[in-house]
């Protein structure tokens, strides 16, 4: 017999790595030409450094659900 919760992704608690992977995937969806802008905007919005952002994407530091949602909804705004 097996535990249903471990096979159902909806009920599983996201791990640090899952959130980091999710944050990284959302970041990689941004055009490579706009990633520097995405990093800057993310760090500004969450009051963190670029180094901390990289650590969150790598799973060294814990990413949050809110940070993942922010990056997934991110659309670059280029100011002329």
PDB file of N, CA and C in Angstrom:
ATOM      1  N   UNK A   1       0.838  -1.172   0.000  1.00  0.00           N
ATOM      2  CA  UNK A   1       0.000   0.000   0.000  1.00  0.00           C
ATOM      3  C   UNK A   1       0.887   1.240   0.000  1.00  0.00           C
ATOM      4  N   UNK A   2       0.437   2.303  -0.638  1.00  0.00           N
ATOM      5  CA  UNK A   2       1.241   3.513  -0.721  1.00  0.00           C
ATOM      6  C   UNK A   2       0.442   4.717  -0.252  1.00  0.00           C
ATOM      7  N   UNK A   3       1.144   5.767   0.049  1.00  0.00           N
ATOM      8  CA  UNK A   3       0.537   7.004   0.527  1.00  0.00           C
ATOM      9  C   UNK A   3       0.114   7.851  -0.668  1.00  0.00           C
ATOM     10  N   UNK A   4      -1.174   8.136  -0.779  1.00  0.00           N
ATOM     11  CA  UNK A   4      -1.703   8.905  -1.905  1.00  0.00           C
ATOM     12  C   UNK A   4      -1.101  10.313  -1.956  1.00  0.00           C
ATOM     13  N   UNK A   5      -0.824  10.923  -0.810  1.00  0.00           N
ATOM     14  CA  UNK A   5      -0.324  12.296  -0.772  1.00  0.00           C
ATOM     15  C   UNK A   5       1.029  12.419  -1.469  1.00  0.00           C
ATOM     16  N   UNK A   6       1.828  11.369  -1.443  1.00  0.00           N
ATOM     17  CA  UNK A   6       3.137  11.456  -2.075  1.00  0.00           C
ATOM     18  C   UNK A   6       3.043  11.316  -3.589  1.00  0.00           C
ATOM     19  N   UNK A   7       1.939  10.816  -4.110  1.00  0.00           N
ATOM     20  CA  UNK A   7       1.805  10.679  -5.549  1.00  0.00           C
ATOM     21  C   UNK A   7       0.948  11.780  -6.151  1.00  0.00           C
ATOM     22  N   UNK A   8       0.318  12.595  -5.329  1.00  0.00           N
ATOM     23  CA  UNK A   8      -0.535  13.663  -5.824  1.00  0.00           C
ATOM     24  C   UNK A   8       0.173  14.997  -5.641  1.00  0.00           C
ATOM     25  N   UNK A   9       0.610  15.600  -6.750  1.00  0.00           N
ATOM     26  CA  UNK A   9       1.380  16.836  -6.681  1.00  0.00           C
ATOM     27  C   UNK A   9       0.599  17.980  -6.046  1.00  0.00           C
ATOM     28  N   UNK A  10      -0.710  17.986  -6.158  1.00  0.00           N
ATOM     29  CA  UNK A  10      -1.514  19.075  -5.619  1.00  0.00           C
ATOM     30  C   UNK A  10      -1.491  19.110  -4.097  1.00  0.00           C
ATOM     31  N   UNK A  11      -1.353  17.968  -3.456  1.00  0.00           N
ATOM     32  CA  UNK A  11      -1.363  17.936  -2.001  1.00  0.00           C
ATOM     33  C   UNK A  11       0.042  17.920  -1.408  1.00  0.00           C
ATOM     34  N   UNK A  12       1.046  17.748  -2.250  1.00  0.00           N
ATOM     35  CA  UNK A  12       2.421  17.710  -1.753  1.00  0.00           C
ATOM     36  C   UNK A  12       2.867  19.119  -1.363  1.00  0.00           C
ATOM     37  N   UNK A  13       3.595  19.217  -0.280  1.00  0.00           N
ATOM     38  CA  UNK A  13       4.146  20.499   0.151  1.00  0.00           C
ATOM     39  C   UNK A  13       5.368  20.786  -0.711  1.00  0.00           C
ATOM     40  N   UNK A  14       5.416  21.974  -1.347  1.00  0.00           N
ATOM     41  CA  UNK A  14       6.568  22.257  -2.207  1.00  0.00           C
ATOM     42  C   UNK A  14       7.857  22.336  -1.401  1.00  0.00           C
ATOM     43  N   UNK A  15       8.894  21.727  -1.907  1.00  0.00           N
ATOM     44  CA  UNK A  15      10.180  21.758  -1.214  1.00  0.00           C
ATOM     45  C   UNK A  15      10.964  22.984  -1.651  1.00  0.00           C
ATOM     46  N   UNK A  16      12.044  23.249  -0.979  1.00  0.00           N
ATOM     47  CA  UNK A  16      12.912  24.374  -1.334  1.00  0.00           C
ATOM     48  C   UNK A  16      13.369  24.235  -2.781  1.00  0.00           C
ATOM     49  N   UNK A  17      13.760  23.042  -3.167  1.00  0.00           N
ATOM     50  CA  UNK A  17      14.238  22.810  -4.532  1.00  0.00           C
ATOM     51  C   UNK A  17      13.119  23.044  -5.536  1.00  0.00           C
ATOM     52  N   UNK A  18      11.903  22.583  -5.248  1.00  0.00           N
ATOM     53  CA  UNK A  18      10.789  22.790  -6.168  1.00  0.00           C
ATOM     54  C   UNK A  18      10.544  24.273  -6.409  1.00  0.00           C
ATOM     55  N   UNK A  19      10.571  25.081  -5.352  1.00  0.00           N
ATOM     56  CA  UNK A  19      10.359  26.512  -5.504  1.00  0.00           C
ATOM     57  C   UNK A  19      11.522  27.154  -6.241  1.00  0.00           C
ATOM     58  N   UNK A  20      12.722  26.715  -5.974  1.00  0.00           N
ATOM     59  CA  UNK A  20      13.884  27.245  -6.686  1.00  0.00           C
ATOM     60  C   UNK A  20      13.812  26.902  -8.166  1.00  0.00           C
ATOM     61  N   UNK A  21      13.429  25.679  -8.467  1.00  0.00           N
ATOM     62  CA  UNK A  21      13.280  25.272  -9.865  1.00  0.00           C
ATOM     63  C   UNK A  21      12.180  26.082 -10.542  1.00  0.00           C
ATOM     64  N   UNK A  22      11.093  26.296  -9.830  1.00  0.00           N
ATOM     65  CA  UNK A  22       9.990  27.077 -10.380  1.00  0.00           C
ATOM     66  C   UNK A  22      10.432  28.521 -10.652  1.00  0.00           C
ATOM     67  N   UNK A  23      11.164  29.111  -9.708  1.00  0.00           N
ATOM     68  CA  UNK A  23      11.674  30.468  -9.894  1.00  0.00           C
ATOM     69  C   UNK A  23      12.635  30.507 -11.081  1.00  0.00           C
ATOM     70  N   UNK A  24      13.504  29.538 -11.170  1.00  0.00           N
ATOM     71  CA  UNK A  24      14.471  29.487 -12.269  1.00  0.00           C
ATOM     72  C   UNK A  24      13.779  29.307 -13.616  1.00  0.00           C
ATOM     73  N   UNK A  25      12.781  28.437 -13.683  1.00  0.00           N
ATOM     74  CA  UNK A  25      12.034  28.241 -14.942  1.00  0.00           C
ATOM     75  C   UNK A  25      11.354  29.537 -15.376  1.00  0.00           C
ATOM     76  N   UNK A  26      10.739  30.238 -14.423  1.00  0.00           N
ATOM     77  CA  UNK A  26      10.071  31.495 -14.749  1.00  0.00           C
ATOM     78  C   UNK A  26      11.088  32.521 -15.241  1.00  0.00           C
ATOM     79  N   UNK A  27      12.247  32.555 -14.617  1.00  0.00           N
ATOM     80  CA  UNK A  27      13.307  33.476 -15.031  1.00  0.00           C
ATOM     81  C   UNK A  27      13.792  33.132 -16.439  1.00  0.00           C
ATOM     82  N   UNK A  28      13.961  31.856 -16.727  1.00  0.00           N
ATOM     83  CA  UNK A  28      14.453  31.424 -18.039  1.00  0.00           C
ATOM     84  C   UNK A  28      13.442  31.696 -19.157  1.00  0.00           C
ATOM     85  N   UNK A  29      12.157  31.896 -18.809  1.00  0.00           N
ATOM     86  CA  UNK A  29      11.144  32.245 -19.807  1.00  0.00           C
ATOM     87  C   UNK A  29      11.313  33.674 -20.307  1.00  0.00           C
ATOM     88  N   UNK A  30      11.995  34.501 -19.529  1.00  0.00           N
ATOM     89  CA  UNK A  30      12.264  35.881 -19.935  1.00  0.00           C
ATOM     90  C   UNK A  30      13.319  35.839 -21.033  1.00  0.00           C
ATOM     91  N   UNK A  31      13.145  36.657 -22.046  1.00  0.00           N
ATOM     92  CA  UNK A  31      14.106  36.727 -23.138  1.00  0.00           C
ATOM     93  C   UNK A  31      15.515  36.971 -22.586  1.00  0.00           C
ATOM     94  N   UNK A  32      16.520  36.278 -23.124  1.00  0.00           N
ATOM     95  CA  UNK A  32      17.891  36.500 -22.644  1.00  0.00           C
ATOM     96  C   UNK A  32      18.310  37.971 -22.703  1.00  0.00           C
ATOM     97  N   UNK A  33      17.775  38.704 -23.658  1.00  0.00           N
ATOM     98  CA  UNK A  33      18.112  40.128 -23.782  1.00  0.00           C
ATOM     99  C   UNK A  33      17.528  40.960 -22.651  1.00  0.00           C
ATOM    100  N   UNK A  34      16.527  40.430 -21.958  1.00  0.00           N
ATOM    101  CA  UNK A  34      15.845  41.189 -20.909  1.00  0.00           C
ATOM    102  C   UNK A  34      16.083  40.627 -19.507  1.00  0.00           C
ATOM    103  N   UNK A  35      16.916  39.607 -19.402  1.00  0.00           N
ATOM    104  CA  UNK A  35      17.124  38.979 -18.094  1.00  0.00           C
ATOM    105  C   UNK A  35      17.821  39.900 -17.098  1.00  0.00           C
ATOM    106  N   UNK A  36      18.729  40.740 -17.561  1.00  0.00           N
ATOM    107  CA  UNK A  36      19.387  41.684 -16.643  1.00  0.00           C
ATOM    108  C   UNK A  36      18.340  42.624 -16.042  1.00  0.00           C
ATOM    109  N   UNK A  37      17.399  43.049 -16.858  1.00  0.00           N
ATOM    110  CA  UNK A  37      16.306  43.898 -16.388  1.00  0.00           C
ATOM    111  C   UNK A  37      15.419  43.132 -15.412  1.00  0.00           C
ATOM    112  N   UNK A  38      15.148  41.869 -15.711  1.00  0.00           N
ATOM    113  CA  UNK A  38      14.326  41.038 -14.820  1.00  0.00           C
ATOM    114  C   UNK A  38      15.004  40.863 -13.463  1.00  0.00           C
ATOM    115  N   UNK A  39      16.312  40.601 -13.477  1.00  0.00           N
ATOM    116  CA  UNK A  39      17.060  40.467 -12.220  1.00  0.00           C
ATOM    117  C   UNK A  39      17.001  41.752 -11.411  1.00  0.00           C
ATOM    118  N   UNK A  40      17.239  42.865 -12.088  1.00  0.00           N
ATOM    119  CA  UNK A  40      17.219  44.156 -11.399  1.00  0.00           C
ATOM    120  C   UNK A  40      15.849  44.431 -10.790  1.00  0.00           C
ATOM    121  N   UNK A  41      14.788  44.218 -11.580  1.00  0.00           N
ATOM    122  CA  UNK A  41      13.425  44.477 -11.102  1.00  0.00           C
ATOM    123  C   UNK A  41      13.056  43.543  -9.951  1.00  0.00           C
ATOM    124  N   UNK A  42      13.437  42.271 -10.049  1.00  0.00           N
ATOM    125  CA  UNK A  42      13.140  41.307  -8.993  1.00  0.00           C
ATOM    126  C   UNK A  42      13.846  41.707  -7.697  1.00  0.00           C
ATOM    127  N   UNK A  43      15.121  42.013  -7.811  1.00  0.00           N
ATOM    128  CA  UNK A  43      15.898  42.383  -6.621  1.00  0.00           C
ATOM    129  C   UNK A  43      15.352  43.653  -5.980  1.00  0.00           C
ATOM    130  N   UNK A  44      14.952  44.590  -6.804  1.00  0.00           N
ATOM    131  CA  UNK A  44      14.373  45.834  -6.302  1.00  0.00           C
ATOM    132  C   UNK A  44      13.032  45.568  -5.615  1.00  0.00           C
ATOM    133  N   UNK A  45      12.195  44.759  -6.235  1.00  0.00           N
ATOM    134  CA  UNK A  45      10.862  44.465  -5.698  1.00  0.00           C
ATOM    135  C   UNK A  45      10.929  43.692  -4.383  1.00  0.00           C
ATOM    136  N   UNK A  46      11.948  42.853  -4.222  1.00  0.00           N
ATOM    137  CA  UNK A  46      12.043  41.989  -3.040  1.00  0.00           C
ATOM    138  C   UNK A  46      13.155  42.409  -2.080  1.00  0.00           C
ATOM    139  N   UNK A  47      13.771  43.537  -2.363  1.00  0.00           N
ATOM    140  CA  UNK A  47      14.833  44.093  -1.510  1.00  0.00           C
ATOM    141  C   UNK A  47      15.940  43.079  -1.215  1.00  0.00           C
ATOM    142  N   UNK A  48      16.449  42.466  -2.294  1.00  0.00           N
ATOM    143  CA  UNK A  48      17.547  41.513  -2.166  1.00  0.00           C
ATOM    144  C   UNK A  48      18.648  41.886  -3.156  1.00  0.00           C
ATOM    145  N   UNK A  49      19.803  41.251  -3.007  1.00  0.00           N
ATOM    146  CA  UNK A  49      20.909  41.484  -3.930  1.00  0.00           C
ATOM    147  C   UNK A  49      20.852  40.486  -5.081  1.00  0.00           C
ATOM    148  N   UNK A  50      21.598  40.794  -6.132  1.00  0.00           N
ATOM    149  CA  UNK A  50      21.689  39.890  -7.275  1.00  0.00           C
ATOM    150  C   UNK A  50      22.250  38.532  -6.847  1.00  0.00           C
ATOM    151  N   UNK A  51      23.197  38.544  -5.931  1.00  0.00           N
ATOM    152  CA  UNK A  51      23.783  37.296  -5.432  1.00  0.00           C
ATOM    153  C   UNK A  51      22.727  36.448  -4.715  1.00  0.00           C
ATOM    154  N   UNK A  52      21.870  37.081  -3.932  1.00  0.00           N
ATOM    155  CA  UNK A  52      20.800  36.354  -3.241  1.00  0.00           C
ATOM    156  C   UNK A  52      19.814  35.780  -4.249  1.00  0.00           C
ATOM    157  N   UNK A  53      19.516  36.543  -5.289  1.00  0.00           N
ATOM    158  CA  UNK A  53      18.616  36.054  -6.338  1.00  0.00           C
ATOM    159  C   UNK A  53      19.185  34.805  -6.996  1.00  0.00           C
ATOM    160  N   UNK A  54      20.461  34.830  -7.310  1.00  0.00           N
ATOM    161  CA  UNK A  54      21.101  33.646  -7.902  1.00  0.00           C
ATOM    162  C   UNK A  54      21.051  32.466  -6.947  1.00  0.00           C
ATOM    163  N   UNK A  55      21.273  32.719  -5.659  1.00  0.00           N
ATOM    164  CA  UNK A  55      21.239  31.643  -4.660  1.00  0.00           C
ATOM    165  C   UNK A  55      19.837  31.054  -4.527  1.00  0.00           C
ATOM    166  N   UNK A  56      18.826  31.869  -4.633  1.00  0.00           N
ATOM    167  CA  UNK A  56      17.445  31.374  -4.570  1.00  0.00           C
ATOM    168  C   UNK A  56      17.143  30.499  -5.785  1.00  0.00           C
ATOM    169  N   UNK A  57      17.612  30.904  -6.964  1.00  0.00           N
ATOM    170  CA  UNK A  57      17.386  30.110  -8.167  1.00  0.00           C
ATOM    171  C   UNK A  57      18.140  28.789  -8.109  1.00  0.00           C
ATOM    172  N   UNK A  58      19.275  28.768  -7.418  1.00  0.00           N
ATOM    173  CA  UNK A  58      20.098  27.556  -7.318  1.00  0.00           C
ATOM    174  C   UNK A  58      19.668  26.637  -6.177  1.00  0.00           C
ATOM    175  N   UNK A  59      18.761  27.108  -5.308  1.00  0.00           N
ATOM    176  CA  UNK A  59      18.318  26.286  -4.190  1.00  0.00           C
ATOM    177  C   UNK A  59      19.185  26.432  -2.954  1.00  0.00           C
ATOM    178  N   UNK A  60      20.136  27.353  -2.976  1.00  0.00           N
ATOM    179  CA  UNK A  60      20.991  27.587  -1.806  1.00  0.00           C
ATOM    180  C   UNK A  60      20.192  28.315  -0.739  1.00  0.00           C
ATOM    181  N   UNK A  61      19.426  29.334  -1.170  1.00  0.00           N
ATOM    182  CA  UNK A  61      18.492  30.034  -0.291  1.00  0.00           C
ATOM    183  C   UNK A  61      17.085  29.652  -0.701  1.00  0.00           C
ATOM    184  N   UNK A  62      16.164  29.731   0.232  1.00  0.00           N
ATOM    185  CA  UNK A  62      14.789  29.337  -0.027  1.00  0.00           C
ATOM    186  C   UNK A  62      14.033  30.421  -0.788  1.00  0.00           C
ATOM    187  N   UNK A  63      13.468  30.044  -1.912  1.00  0.00           N
ATOM    188  CA  UNK A  63      12.568  30.928  -2.655  1.00  0.00           C
ATOM    189  C   UNK A  63      11.179  30.782  -2.045  1.00  0.00           C
ATOM    190  N   UNK A  64      10.364  31.807  -2.187  1.00  0.00           N
ATOM    191  CA  UNK A  64       9.012  31.748  -1.653  1.00  0.00           C
ATOM    192  C   UNK A  64       8.000  31.612  -2.787  1.00  0.00           C
ATOM    193  N   UNK A  65       6.820  31.207  -2.412  1.00  0.00           N
ATOM    194  CA  UNK A  65       5.724  31.110  -3.379  1.00  0.00           C
ATOM    195  C   UNK A  65       5.477  32.475  -4.027  1.00  0.00           C
ATOM    196  N   UNK A  66       5.491  33.523  -3.217  1.00  0.00           N
ATOM    197  CA  UNK A  66       5.256  34.876  -3.726  1.00  0.00           C
ATOM    198  C   UNK A  66       6.312  35.314  -4.724  1.00  0.00           C
ATOM    199  N   UNK A  67       7.571  34.951  -4.465  1.00  0.00           N
ATOM    200  CA  UNK A  67       8.640  35.292  -5.402  1.00  0.00           C
ATOM    201  C   UNK A  67       8.454  34.555  -6.725  1.00  0.00           C
ATOM    202  N   UNK A  68       8.052  33.307  -6.647  1.00  0.00           N
ATOM    203  CA  UNK A  68       7.794  32.535  -7.868  1.00  0.00           C
ATOM    204  C   UNK A  68       6.649  33.157  -8.653  1.00  0.00           C
ATOM    205  N   UNK A  69       5.586  33.498  -7.957  1.00  0.00           N
ATOM    206  CA  UNK A  69       4.433  34.104  -8.623  1.00  0.00           C
ATOM    207  C   UNK A  69       4.810  35.436  -9.254  1.00  0.00           C
ATOM    208  N   UNK A  70       5.641  36.219  -8.564  1.00  0.00           N
ATOM    209  CA  UNK A  70       6.075  37.509  -9.099  1.00  0.00           C
ATOM    210  C   UNK A  70       6.821  37.303 -10.416  1.00  0.00           C
ATOM    211  N   UNK A  71       7.774  36.365 -10.428  1.00  0.00           N
ATOM    212  CA  UNK A  71       8.567  36.141 -11.638  1.00  0.00           C
ATOM    213  C   UNK A  71       7.719  35.538 -12.747  1.00  0.00           C
ATOM    214  N   UNK A  72       6.772  34.685 -12.407  1.00  0.00           N
ATOM    215  CA  UNK A  72       5.901  34.089 -13.425  1.00  0.00           C
ATOM    216  C   UNK A  72       5.025  35.154 -14.086  1.00  0.00           C
ATOM    217  N   UNK A  73       4.647  36.184 -13.340  1.00  0.00           N
ATOM    218  CA  UNK A  73       3.801  37.248 -13.872  1.00  0.00           C
ATOM    219  C   UNK A  73       4.611  38.406 -14.456  1.00  0.00           C
ATOM    220  N   UNK A  74       5.927  38.323 -14.360  1.00  0.00           N
ATOM    221  CA  UNK A  74       6.784  39.444 -14.764  1.00  0.00           C
ATOM    222  C   UNK A  74       6.695  39.752 -16.254  1.00  0.00           C
ATOM    223  N   UNK A  75       6.530  41.010 -16.541  1.00  0.00           N
ATOM    224  CA  UNK A  75       6.645  41.517 -17.919  1.00  0.00           C
ATOM    225  C   UNK A  75       7.540  42.743 -17.849  1.00  0.00           C
ATOM    226  N   UNK A  76       8.619  42.731 -18.588  1.00  0.00           N
ATOM    227  CA  UNK A  76       9.562  43.856 -18.515  1.00  0.00           C
ATOM    228  C   UNK A  76       8.941  45.156 -19.002  1.00  0.00           C
ATOM    229  N   UNK A  77       9.235  46.225 -18.281  1.00  0.00           N
ATOM    230  CA  UNK A  77       8.806  47.557 -18.679  1.00  0.00           C
ATOM    231  C   UNK A  77      10.058  48.370 -18.987  1.00  0.00           C
ATOM    232  N   UNK A  78      10.251  48.631 -20.233  1.00  0.00           N
ATOM    233  CA  UNK A  78      11.433  49.375 -20.646  1.00  0.00           C
ATOM    234  C   UNK A  78      11.072  50.858 -20.696  1.00  0.00           C
ATOM    235  N   UNK A  79      11.818  51.639 -19.930  1.00  0.00           N
ATOM    236  CA  UNK A  79      11.572  53.080 -19.873  1.00  0.00           C
ATOM    237  C   UNK A  79      12.519  53.769 -20.851  1.00  0.00           C
ATOM    238  N   UNK A  80      11.939  54.593 -21.684  1.00  0.00           N
ATOM    239  CA  UNK A  80      12.745  55.304 -22.697  1.00  0.00           C
ATOM    240  C   UNK A  80      13.450  56.495 -22.102  1.00  0.00           C
TER     241      UNK A  80
END
